[in-house]
Amino acid sequence: MDLDQLHAFLEIVRLKSFSKAAQVCHRSQPAISAQIRQLELELDTVLFERFGSRISLTPAGAIFAEYAARILELRQQAREAIRELERVPRGELAIAANEATCLYVLPDVFVEYRRRFPRVQLRVERVYGRRVVEAVLENQVDFGIAQLPRSDRRLQVARIYTDEIKLIVPAGHPLGGYPAVTATQVAEYPLILPQYGTTRSRLDEWLEAAEDRLQITMELDSSEMIKRFVARGLGISFMAASHCREEVAKGQLTLVSLAPEPMLRSLSLIYRKDRPLSRAALGFIEVVLEQARPEG
């Protein structure tokens, strides 16, 4: 059975006439009669009793009329729910990003998005480096935020934020007075390095010039732990400048650029080109582009 058959059936019940129902449904009377016969065959019962020009529901027809009305009411409720979804989006959006991005780049994004779309739940997956791109490509998340990935025809990439990766040292450290430092200078001191991610890969390349002299004492997966350990004098490390504003302002850490060229990083919002975007998803893109502004 289909919804058109149910509509025709209920019009006959309401009007108590096949001919009048045919006019309302913009069908011929034989077409309406054929629909009812098809319903009766499918249900293996008789729905109407006919007394000359008069008709009435059989007991089975009366029961079926209740269910038919409920089915069409559910269809109407579904339509209204979908229209409401466009007006007031709801549901869930999944975002893949590393810890530092969530702490220092996305808070304003999340606050503004929640203000505009209070019924949409944001689920954040904490992942690193290439795994962010993989999560997007595998449809495990709706969006990813990561350092500019390699080009992929399946991805839409929008640069949203730029800052500089710098050496971080505790207040009063000998390297703190330099405008920029080389890998050879850094190799003289114990190093605390990020355990994963694109930044770690880039740092490994930068440190190759002094690879034989490196003193790597810790590898940590938390930017907060790295900052705390550096501030306590357990080693020196590297981090995006935007992640250390509070500690620099308090005089706990000092930032130094890397030589011979500053190490810049660009964060991008990435999502699949072939994935349809809901109103909630389009709103997230809009908020990210507004709130996560580049700094350099």
C-alpha atoms as a PDB file:
ATOM      1  CA  MET A   1       0.000   0.000   0.000  1.00  0.00           C
ATOM      2  CA  ASP A   2       1.076   3.593  -0.489  1.00  0.00           C
ATOM      3  CA  LEU A   3       0.119   6.918   1.057  1.00  0.00           C
ATOM      4  CA  ASP A   4      -1.955   7.925  -1.963  1.00  0.00           C
ATOM      5  CA  GLN A   5      -4.154   4.869  -1.456  1.00  0.00           C
ATOM      6  CA  LEU A   6      -4.609   5.739   2.219  1.00  0.00           C
ATOM      7  CA  HIS A   7      -5.572   9.307   1.325  1.00  0.00           C
ATOM      8  CA  ALA A   8      -8.162   8.098  -1.196  1.00  0.00           C
ATOM      9  CA  PHE A   9      -9.542   5.593   1.318  1.00  0.00           C
ATOM     10  CA  LEU A  10      -9.970   8.241   4.012  1.00  0.00           C
ATOM     11  CA  GLU A  11     -11.632  10.659   1.597  1.00  0.00           C
ATOM     12  CA  ILE A  12     -14.218   7.978   0.766  1.00  0.00           C
ATOM     13  CA  VAL A  13     -14.768   7.457   4.496  1.00  0.00           C
ATOM     14  CA  ARG A  14     -15.156  11.212   5.071  1.00  0.00           C
ATOM     15  CA  LEU A  15     -17.443  11.881   2.100  1.00  0.00           C
ATOM     16  CA  LYS A  16     -19.231   8.497   2.116  1.00  0.00           C
ATOM     17  CA  SER A  17     -19.001   8.488  -1.666  1.00  0.00           C
ATOM     18  CA  PHE A  18     -16.597   7.095  -4.243  1.00  0.00           C
ATOM     19  CA  SER A  19     -17.575   9.710  -6.818  1.00  0.00           C
ATOM     20  CA  LYS A  20     -17.120  12.673  -4.467  1.00  0.00           C
ATOM     21  CA  ALA A  21     -13.781  11.293  -3.267  1.00  0.00           C
ATOM     22  CA  ALA A  22     -12.669  10.942  -6.881  1.00  0.00           C
ATOM     23  CA  GLN A  23     -13.392  14.641  -7.482  1.00  0.00           C
ATOM     24  CA  VAL A  24     -11.476  15.707  -4.365  1.00  0.00           C
ATOM     25  CA  CYS A  25      -8.527  13.499  -5.285  1.00  0.00           C
ATOM     26  CA  HIS A  26      -8.606  14.650  -8.917  1.00  0.00           C
ATOM     27  CA  ARG A  27      -9.001  11.066 -10.101  1.00  0.00           C
ATOM     28  CA  SER A  28     -11.607   9.176 -12.075  1.00  0.00           C
ATOM     29  CA  GLN A  29     -14.055   7.053 -10.118  1.00  0.00           C
ATOM     30  CA  PRO A  30     -12.718   3.822 -11.693  1.00  0.00           C
ATOM     31  CA  ALA A  31      -9.198   4.806 -10.577  1.00  0.00           C
ATOM     32  CA  ILE A  32     -10.389   5.361  -7.003  1.00  0.00           C
ATOM     33  CA  SER A  33     -12.270   2.066  -7.046  1.00  0.00           C
ATOM     34  CA  ALA A  34      -9.144   0.288  -8.313  1.00  0.00           C
ATOM     35  CA  GLN A  35      -7.094   1.707  -5.441  1.00  0.00           C
ATOM     36  CA  ILE A  36      -9.595   0.395  -2.892  1.00  0.00           C
ATOM     37  CA  ARG A  37      -9.684  -3.028  -4.537  1.00  0.00           C
ATOM     38  CA  GLN A  38      -5.885  -3.145  -4.362  1.00  0.00           C
ATOM     39  CA  LEU A  39      -5.998  -2.264  -0.661  1.00  0.00           C
ATOM     40  CA  GLU A  40      -8.602  -4.944   0.002  1.00  0.00           C
ATOM     41  CA  LEU A  41      -6.514  -7.537  -1.815  1.00  0.00           C
ATOM     42  CA  GLU A  42      -3.416  -6.590   0.168  1.00  0.00           C
ATOM     43  CA  LEU A  43      -5.286  -6.652   3.474  1.00  0.00           C
ATOM     44  CA  ASP A  44      -7.270  -9.732   2.476  1.00  0.00           C
ATOM     45  CA  THR A  45     -10.520  -8.203   3.688  1.00  0.00           C
ATOM     46  CA  VAL A  46     -13.472  -6.090   2.580  1.00  0.00           C
ATOM     47  CA  LEU A  47     -13.330  -2.451   3.652  1.00  0.00           C
ATOM     48  CA  PHE A  48     -16.716  -1.158   2.475  1.00  0.00           C
ATOM     49  CA  GLU A  49     -20.239  -2.543   2.400  1.00  0.00           C
ATOM     50  CA  ARG A  50     -22.319  -1.274  -0.498  1.00  0.00           C
ATOM     51  CA  PHE A  51     -26.091  -0.844  -0.376  1.00  0.00           C
ATOM     52  CA  GLY A  52     -27.026   0.528  -3.773  1.00  0.00           C
ATOM     53  CA  SER A  53     -25.598   4.056  -3.870  1.00  0.00           C
ATOM     54  CA  ARG A  54     -24.888   4.026  -0.135  1.00  0.00           C
ATOM     55  CA  ILE A  55     -21.652   2.733   1.424  1.00  0.00           C
ATOM     56  CA  SER A  56     -20.512   2.063   4.959  1.00  0.00           C
ATOM     57  CA  LEU A  57     -17.354   0.714   6.585  1.00  0.00           C
ATOM     58  CA  THR A  58     -17.089  -2.928   7.509  1.00  0.00           C
ATOM     59  CA  PRO A  59     -15.706  -3.688  10.995  1.00  0.00           C
ATOM     60  CA  ALA A  60     -12.322  -4.308   9.360  1.00  0.00           C
ATOM     61  CA  GLY A  61     -12.663  -1.035   7.438  1.00  0.00           C
ATOM     62  CA  ALA A  62     -13.349   0.872  10.664  1.00  0.00           C
ATOM     63  CA  ILE A  63     -10.213  -0.538  12.276  1.00  0.00           C
ATOM     64  CA  PHE A  64      -8.134   0.193   9.194  1.00  0.00           C
ATOM     65  CA  ALA A  65      -9.453   3.769   9.031  1.00  0.00           C
ATOM     66  CA  GLU A  66      -7.973   4.489  12.464  1.00  0.00           C
ATOM     67  CA  TYR A  67      -4.557   3.219  11.418  1.00  0.00           C
ATOM     68  CA  ALA A  68      -4.678   4.984   8.051  1.00  0.00           C
ATOM     69  CA  ALA A  69      -5.440   8.286   9.774  1.00  0.00           C
ATOM     70  CA  ARG A  70      -2.536   7.761  12.177  1.00  0.00           C
ATOM     71  CA  ILE A  71      -0.168   6.960   9.313  1.00  0.00           C
ATOM     72  CA  LEU A  72      -1.080  10.141   7.426  1.00  0.00           C
ATOM     73  CA  GLU A  73      -0.818  12.135  10.633  1.00  0.00           C
ATOM     74  CA  LEU A  74       2.686  10.768  11.156  1.00  0.00           C
ATOM     75  CA  ARG A  75       3.570  11.805   7.610  1.00  0.00           C
ATOM     76  CA  GLN A  76       2.415  15.338   8.385  1.00  0.00           C
ATOM     77  CA  GLN A  77       4.369  15.358  11.634  1.00  0.00           C
ATOM     78  CA  ALA A  78       7.474  14.209   9.763  1.00  0.00           C
ATOM     79  CA  ARG A  79       7.095  17.038   7.254  1.00  0.00           C
ATOM     80  CA  GLU A  80       6.686  19.572  10.049  1.00  0.00           C
ATOM     81  CA  ALA A  81       9.692  18.189  11.910  1.00  0.00           C
ATOM     82  CA  ILE A  82      11.849  18.510   8.801  1.00  0.00           C
ATOM     83  CA  ARG A  83      10.661  22.058   8.179  1.00  0.00           C
ATOM     84  CA  GLU A  84      11.363  22.846  11.819  1.00  0.00           C
ATOM     85  CA  LEU A  85      14.845  21.378  11.430  1.00  0.00           C
ATOM     86  CA  GLU A  86      15.601  23.950   8.762  1.00  0.00           C
ATOM     87  CA  ARG A  87      14.317  26.763  10.995  1.00  0.00           C
ATOM     88  CA  VAL A  88      15.876  25.518  14.238  1.00  0.00           C
ATOM     89  CA  PRO A  89      18.566  22.915  13.409  1.00  0.00           C
ATOM     90  CA  ARG A  90      19.141  20.083  15.840  1.00  0.00           C
ATOM     91  CA  GLY A  91      21.163  16.900  15.941  1.00  0.00           C
ATOM     92  CA  GLU A  92      24.902  16.408  16.274  1.00  0.00           C
ATOM     93  CA  LEU A  93      28.064  17.645  14.587  1.00  0.00           C
ATOM     94  CA  ALA A  94      31.351  15.799  15.083  1.00  0.00           C
ATOM     95  CA  ILE A  95      34.635  17.724  14.894  1.00  0.00           C
ATOM     96  CA  ALA A  96      38.140  16.231  14.886  1.00  0.00           C
ATOM     97  CA  ALA A  97      40.955  18.386  16.280  1.00  0.00           C
ATOM     98  CA  ASN A  98      43.909  18.117  18.615  1.00  0.00           C
ATOM     99  CA  GLU A  99      43.825  19.217  22.246  1.00  0.00           C
ATOM    100  CA  ALA A 100      45.599  22.533  21.748  1.00  0.00           C
ATOM    101  CA  THR A 101      43.288  23.600  18.919  1.00  0.00           C
ATOM    102  CA  CYS A 102      40.269  22.877  21.107  1.00  0.00           C
ATOM    103  CA  LEU A 103      41.755  24.847  24.002  1.00  0.00           C
ATOM    104  CA  TYR A 104      43.152  27.896  22.224  1.00  0.00           C
ATOM    105  CA  VAL A 105      41.426  28.298  18.854  1.00  0.00           C
ATOM    106  CA  LEU A 106      37.926  26.860  19.138  1.00  0.00           C
ATOM    107  CA  PRO A 107      36.425  28.115  22.439  1.00  0.00           C
ATOM    108  CA  ASP A 108      35.014  31.294  20.868  1.00  0.00           C
ATOM    109  CA  VAL A 109      33.736  29.204  17.959  1.00  0.00           C
ATOM    110  CA  PHE A 110      31.920  26.801  20.282  1.00  0.00           C
ATOM    111  CA  VAL A 111      30.409  29.608  22.381  1.00  0.00           C
ATOM    112  CA  GLU A 112      29.059  31.483  19.370  1.00  0.00           C
ATOM    113  CA  TYR A 113      27.835  28.331  17.656  1.00  0.00           C
ATOM    114  CA  ARG A 114      25.944  27.231  20.758  1.00  0.00           C
ATOM    115  CA  ARG A 115      24.345  30.677  20.964  1.00  0.00           C
ATOM    116  CA  ARG A 116      23.079  30.410  17.386  1.00  0.00           C
ATOM    117  CA  PHE A 117      22.273  26.687  17.333  1.00  0.00           C
ATOM    118  CA  PRO A 118      21.404  25.686  20.903  1.00  0.00           C
ATOM    119  CA  ARG A 119      19.792  22.398  19.878  1.00  0.00           C
ATOM    120  CA  VAL A 120      22.824  21.062  18.012  1.00  0.00           C
ATOM    121  CA  GLN A 121      25.218  18.962  20.066  1.00  0.00           C
ATOM    122  CA  LEU A 122      28.929  19.309  19.290  1.00  0.00           C
ATOM    123  CA  ARG A 123      31.025  16.167  19.681  1.00  0.00           C
ATOM    124  CA  VAL A 124      34.792  16.742  19.644  1.00  0.00           C
ATOM    125  CA  GLU A 125      37.134  13.888  18.766  1.00  0.00           C
ATOM    126  CA  ARG A 126      40.666  14.441  20.067  1.00  0.00           C
ATOM    127  CA  VAL A 127      43.018  13.278  17.305  1.00  0.00           C
ATOM    128  CA  TYR A 128      46.340  14.372  15.848  1.00  0.00           C
ATOM    129  CA  GLY A 129      47.935  15.211  12.516  1.00  0.00           C
ATOM    130  CA  ARG A 130      46.992  13.057   9.547  1.00  0.00           C
ATOM    131  CA  ARG A 131      44.434  11.198  11.641  1.00  0.00           C
ATOM    132  CA  VAL A 132      42.226  14.309  11.458  1.00  0.00           C
ATOM    133  CA  VAL A 133      42.168  14.083   7.670  1.00  0.00           C
ATOM    134  CA  GLU A 134      41.533  10.349   7.796  1.00  0.00           C
ATOM    135  CA  ALA A 135      38.588  10.819  10.157  1.00  0.00           C
ATOM    136  CA  VAL A 136      37.004  13.261   7.701  1.00  0.00           C
ATOM    137  CA  LEU A 137      37.650  11.077   4.653  1.00  0.00           C
ATOM    138  CA  GLU A 138      36.231   8.020   6.427  1.00  0.00           C
ATOM    139  CA  ASN A 139      33.069   9.964   7.387  1.00  0.00           C
ATOM    140  CA  GLN A 140      33.764   9.437  11.085  1.00  0.00           C
ATOM    141  CA  VAL A 141      33.376  13.187  11.687  1.00  0.00           C
ATOM    142  CA  ASP A 142      31.709  16.069   9.876  1.00  0.00           C
ATOM    143  CA  PHE A 143      34.647  18.490  10.114  1.00  0.00           C
ATOM    144  CA  GLY A 144      38.328  18.423  10.902  1.00  0.00           C
ATOM    145  CA  ILE A 145      40.654  21.210  11.957  1.00  0.00           C
ATOM    146  CA  ALA A 146      44.331  20.622  11.323  1.00  0.00           C
ATOM    147  CA  GLN A 147      47.459  22.127   9.823  1.00  0.00           C
ATOM    148  CA  LEU A 148      47.084  22.493   6.059  1.00  0.00           C
ATOM    149  CA  PRO A 149      46.785  18.934   4.735  1.00  0.00           C
ATOM    150  CA  ARG A 150      48.109  17.621   1.468  1.00  0.00           C
ATOM    151  CA  SER A 151      45.692  18.345  -1.345  1.00  0.00           C
ATOM    152  CA  ASP A 152      42.961  15.769  -1.837  1.00  0.00           C
ATOM    153  CA  ARG A 153      40.266  16.147  -4.449  1.00  0.00           C
ATOM    154  CA  ARG A 154      37.701  14.795  -1.996  1.00  0.00           C
ATOM    155  CA  LEU A 155      38.303  17.580   0.518  1.00  0.00           C
ATOM    156  CA  GLN A 156      37.204  21.187   0.788  1.00  0.00           C
ATOM    157  CA  VAL A 157      39.916  23.109   2.639  1.00  0.00           C
ATOM    158  CA  ALA A 158      39.524  26.608   4.102  1.00  0.00           C
ATOM    159  CA  ARG A 159      42.424  28.247   5.928  1.00  0.00           C
ATOM    160  CA  ILE A 160      41.128  29.766   9.150  1.00  0.00           C
ATOM    161  CA  TYR A 161      44.077  30.540  11.446  1.00  0.00           C
ATOM    162  CA  THR A 162      47.786  31.274  11.183  1.00  0.00           C
ATOM    163  CA  ASP A 163      50.426  31.693  13.880  1.00  0.00           C
ATOM    164  CA  GLU A 164      54.053  30.859  14.615  1.00  0.00           C
ATOM    165  CA  ILE A 165      55.634  27.837  16.264  1.00  0.00           C
ATOM    166  CA  LYS A 166      58.300  29.096  18.673  1.00  0.00           C
ATOM    167  CA  LEU A 167      60.777  27.802  21.198  1.00  0.00           C
ATOM    168  CA  ILE A 168      59.363  28.076  24.723  1.00  0.00           C
ATOM    169  CA  VAL A 169      61.760  28.416  27.661  1.00  0.00           C
ATOM    170  CA  PRO A 170      61.266  29.229  31.342  1.00  0.00           C
ATOM    171  CA  ALA A 171      61.711  32.795  32.524  1.00  0.00           C
ATOM    172  CA  GLY A 172      65.406  33.705  32.837  1.00  0.00           C
ATOM    173  CA  HIS A 173      66.618  30.932  30.515  1.00  0.00           C
ATOM    174  CA  PRO A 174      69.835  31.757  28.582  1.00  0.00           C
ATOM    175  CA  LEU A 175      68.085  31.341  25.211  1.00  0.00           C
ATOM    176  CA  GLY A 176      65.282  33.680  26.228  1.00  0.00           C
ATOM    177  CA  GLY A 177      67.229  36.767  25.223  1.00  0.00           C
ATOM    178  CA  TYR A 178      67.827  35.698  21.627  1.00  0.00           C
ATOM    179  CA  PRO A 179      65.608  37.024  18.799  1.00  0.00           C
ATOM    180  CA  ALA A 180      65.874  33.602  17.111  1.00  0.00           C
ATOM    181  CA  VAL A 181      67.669  30.311  17.752  1.00  0.00           C
ATOM    182  CA  THR A 182      69.089  27.530  15.587  1.00  0.00           C
ATOM    183  CA  ALA A 183      68.776  23.783  16.086  1.00  0.00           C
ATOM    184  CA  THR A 184      72.429  23.673  17.165  1.00  0.00           C
ATOM    185  CA  GLN A 185      71.774  26.152  19.988  1.00  0.00           C
ATOM    186  CA  VAL A 186      68.656  24.266  21.113  1.00  0.00           C
ATOM    187  CA  ALA A 187      70.569  20.968  21.207  1.00  0.00           C
ATOM    188  CA  GLU A 188      72.586  22.213  24.174  1.00  0.00           C
ATOM    189  CA  TYR A 189      69.544  21.830  26.475  1.00  0.00           C
ATOM    190  CA  PRO A 190      67.146  19.036  27.509  1.00  0.00           C
ATOM    191  CA  LEU A 191      64.160  18.899  25.167  1.00  0.00           C
ATOM    192  CA  ILE A 192      60.505  18.134  25.840  1.00  0.00           C
ATOM    193  CA  LEU A 193      58.818  17.349  22.530  1.00  0.00           C
ATOM    194  CA  PRO A 194      55.199  16.840  21.485  1.00  0.00           C
ATOM    195  CA  GLN A 195      54.583  13.142  21.035  1.00  0.00           C
ATOM    196  CA  TYR A 196      52.388  13.256  17.920  1.00  0.00           C
ATOM    197  CA  GLY A 197      51.179  15.414  15.092  1.00  0.00           C
ATOM    198  CA  THR A 198      52.215  17.595  12.211  1.00  0.00           C
ATOM    199  CA  THR A 199      54.144  20.008  14.443  1.00  0.00           C
ATOM    200  CA  ARG A 200      56.292  17.140  15.709  1.00  0.00           C
ATOM    201  CA  SER A 201      57.060  16.070  12.144  1.00  0.00           C
ATOM    202  CA  ARG A 202      58.101  19.584  11.209  1.00  0.00           C
ATOM    203  CA  LEU A 203      60.247  19.915  14.333  1.00  0.00           C
ATOM    204  CA  ASP A 204      62.007  16.624  13.571  1.00  0.00           C
ATOM    205  CA  GLU A 205      63.006  18.035  10.182  1.00  0.00           C
ATOM    206  CA  TRP A 206      64.185  21.318  11.726  1.00  0.00           C
ATOM    207  CA  LEU A 207      66.225  19.466  14.381  1.00  0.00           C
ATOM    208  CA  GLU A 208      67.985  17.197  11.857  1.00  0.00           C
ATOM    209  CA  ALA A 209      70.913  19.634  11.680  1.00  0.00           C
ATOM    210  CA  ALA A 210      71.785  18.759  15.296  1.00  0.00           C
ATOM    211  CA  GLU A 211      70.324  15.248  15.442  1.00  0.00           C
ATOM    212  CA  ASP A 212      73.425  13.636  16.992  1.00  0.00           C
ATOM    213  CA  ARG A 213      73.486  16.114  19.870  1.00  0.00           C
ATOM    214  CA  LEU A 214      69.816  16.200  20.860  1.00  0.00           C
ATOM    215  CA  GLN A 215      68.867  15.607  24.492  1.00  0.00           C
ATOM    216  CA  ILE A 216      65.223  14.471  24.306  1.00  0.00           C
ATOM    217  CA  THR A 217      64.111  13.849  27.880  1.00  0.00           C
ATOM    218  CA  MET A 218      60.321  13.675  27.457  1.00  0.00           C
ATOM    219  CA  GLU A 219      57.667  13.191  24.774  1.00  0.00           C
ATOM    220  CA  LEU A 220      54.216  14.355  25.872  1.00  0.00           C
ATOM    221  CA  ASP A 221      50.792  14.386  24.204  1.00  0.00           C
ATOM    222  CA  SER A 222      49.435  17.349  26.199  1.00  0.00           C
ATOM    223  CA  SER A 223      50.237  21.000  25.536  1.00  0.00           C
ATOM    224  CA  GLU A 224      49.311  21.879  29.118  1.00  0.00           C
ATOM    225  CA  MET A 225      51.777  19.358  30.522  1.00  0.00           C
ATOM    226  CA  ILE A 226      54.510  20.620  28.213  1.00  0.00           C
ATOM    227  CA  LYS A 227      54.015  24.213  29.361  1.00  0.00           C
ATOM    228  CA  ARG A 228      53.963  23.277  33.045  1.00  0.00           C
ATOM    229  CA  PHE A 229      57.107  21.152  32.792  1.00  0.00           C
ATOM    230  CA  VAL A 230      58.973  23.833  30.864  1.00  0.00           C
ATOM    231  CA  ALA A 231      57.963  26.484  33.392  1.00  0.00           C
ATOM    232  CA  ARG A 232      59.358  24.252  36.182  1.00  0.00           C
ATOM    233  CA  GLY A 233      62.712  23.984  34.400  1.00  0.00           C
ATOM    234  CA  LEU A 234      62.487  20.347  33.286  1.00  0.00           C
ATOM    235  CA  GLY A 235      63.428  21.222  29.709  1.00  0.00           C
ATOM    236  CA  ILE A 236      62.652  23.494  26.782  1.00  0.00           C
ATOM    237  CA  SER A 237      60.099  22.848  24.088  1.00  0.00           C
ATOM    238  CA  PHE A 238      58.188  24.228  21.094  1.00  0.00           C
ATOM    239  CA  MET A 239      54.635  25.449  20.751  1.00  0.00           C
ATOM    240  CA  ALA A 240      52.401  27.754  18.771  1.00  0.00           C
ATOM    241  CA  ALA A 241      52.654  31.257  20.184  1.00  0.00           C
ATOM    242  CA  SER A 242      48.891  31.544  20.612  1.00  0.00           C
ATOM    243  CA  HIS A 243      48.935  28.631  23.052  1.00  0.00           C
ATOM    244  CA  CYS A 244      51.198  30.419  25.524  1.00  0.00           C
ATOM    245  CA  ARG A 245      49.660  33.873  25.865  1.00  0.00           C
ATOM    246  CA  GLU A 246      48.656  33.478  29.501  1.00  0.00           C
ATOM    247  CA  GLU A 247      52.005  32.079  30.649  1.00  0.00           C
ATOM    248  CA  VAL A 248      53.955  34.754  28.758  1.00  0.00           C
ATOM    249  CA  ALA A 249      51.769  37.488  30.250  1.00  0.00           C
ATOM    250  CA  LYS A 250      52.449  36.115  33.751  1.00  0.00           C
ATOM    251  CA  GLY A 251      56.210  36.010  33.087  1.00  0.00           C
ATOM    252  CA  GLN A 252      56.384  32.217  33.390  1.00  0.00           C
ATOM    253  CA  LEU A 253      57.522  31.505  29.826  1.00  0.00           C
ATOM    254  CA  THR A 254      59.513  33.254  27.128  1.00  0.00           C
ATOM    255  CA  LEU A 255      59.031  32.685  23.402  1.00  0.00           C
ATOM    256  CA  VAL A 256      61.840  32.700  20.823  1.00  0.00           C
ATOM    257  CA  SER A 257      61.516  32.392  17.043  1.00  0.00           C
ATOM    258  CA  LEU A 258      63.264  29.624  15.144  1.00  0.00           C
ATOM    259  CA  ALA A 259      66.061  30.326  12.657  1.00  0.00           C
ATOM    260  CA  PRO A 260      66.890  30.659   9.841  1.00  0.00           C
ATOM    261  CA  GLU A 261      63.193  31.198   8.989  1.00  0.00           C
ATOM    262  CA  PRO A 262      60.182  31.496  11.306  1.00  0.00           C
ATOM    263  CA  MET A 263      58.140  28.290  11.455  1.00  0.00           C
ATOM    264  CA  LEU A 264      54.594  29.318  10.596  1.00  0.00           C
ATOM    265  CA  ARG A 265      51.615  27.022  10.832  1.00  0.00           C
ATOM    266  CA  SER A 266      48.232  27.403   9.194  1.00  0.00           C
ATOM    267  CA  LEU A 267      45.139  25.685  10.510  1.00  0.00           C
ATOM    268  CA  SER A 268      42.399  24.727   8.102  1.00  0.00           C
ATOM    269  CA  LEU A 269      38.797  23.670   8.346  1.00  0.00           C
ATOM    270  CA  ILE A 270      38.340  20.554   6.223  1.00  0.00           C
ATOM    271  CA  TYR A 271      35.273  18.612   5.141  1.00  0.00           C
ATOM    272  CA  ARG A 272      34.246  16.324   2.302  1.00  0.00           C
ATOM    273  CA  LYS A 273      33.100  17.969  -0.920  1.00  0.00           C
ATOM    274  CA  ASP A 274      30.650  15.184  -1.704  1.00  0.00           C
ATOM    275  CA  ARG A 275      28.895  15.214   1.669  1.00  0.00           C
ATOM    276  CA  PRO A 276      25.605  17.141   1.769  1.00  0.00           C
ATOM    277  CA  LEU A 277      25.690  20.016   4.249  1.00  0.00           C
ATOM    278  CA  SER A 278      22.779  20.533   6.629  1.00  0.00           C
ATOM    279  CA  ARG A 279      21.765  23.939   7.921  1.00  0.00           C
ATOM    280  CA  ALA A 280      23.631  23.087  11.133  1.00  0.00           C
ATOM    281  CA  ALA A 281      26.804  22.235   9.180  1.00  0.00           C
ATOM    282  CA  LEU A 282      26.618  25.387   7.063  1.00  0.00           C
ATOM    283  CA  GLY A 283      26.194  27.370  10.273  1.00  0.00           C
ATOM    284  CA  PHE A 284      29.337  25.807  11.735  1.00  0.00           C
ATOM    285  CA  ILE A 285      31.375  26.789   8.684  1.00  0.00           C
ATOM    286  CA  GLU A 286      30.040  30.327   8.960  1.00  0.00           C
ATOM    287  CA  VAL A 287      30.900  30.621  12.660  1.00  0.00           C
ATOM    288  CA  VAL A 288      34.388  29.162  12.220  1.00  0.00           C
ATOM    289  CA  LEU A 289      35.230  31.611   9.441  1.00  0.00           C
ATOM    290  CA  GLU A 290      33.992  34.485  11.624  1.00  0.00           C
ATOM    291  CA  GLN A 291      35.518  33.541  14.954  1.00  0.00           C
ATOM    292  CA  ALA A 292      38.803  31.704  14.216  1.00  0.00           C
ATOM    293  CA  ARG A 293      40.548  34.632  12.601  1.00  0.00           C
ATOM    294  CA  PRO A 294      44.182  34.410  11.425  1.00  0.00           C
ATOM    295  CA  GLU A 295      46.729  36.186  13.605  1.00  0.00           C
ATOM    296  CA  GLY A 296      49.642  36.445  11.259  1.00  0.00           C
END
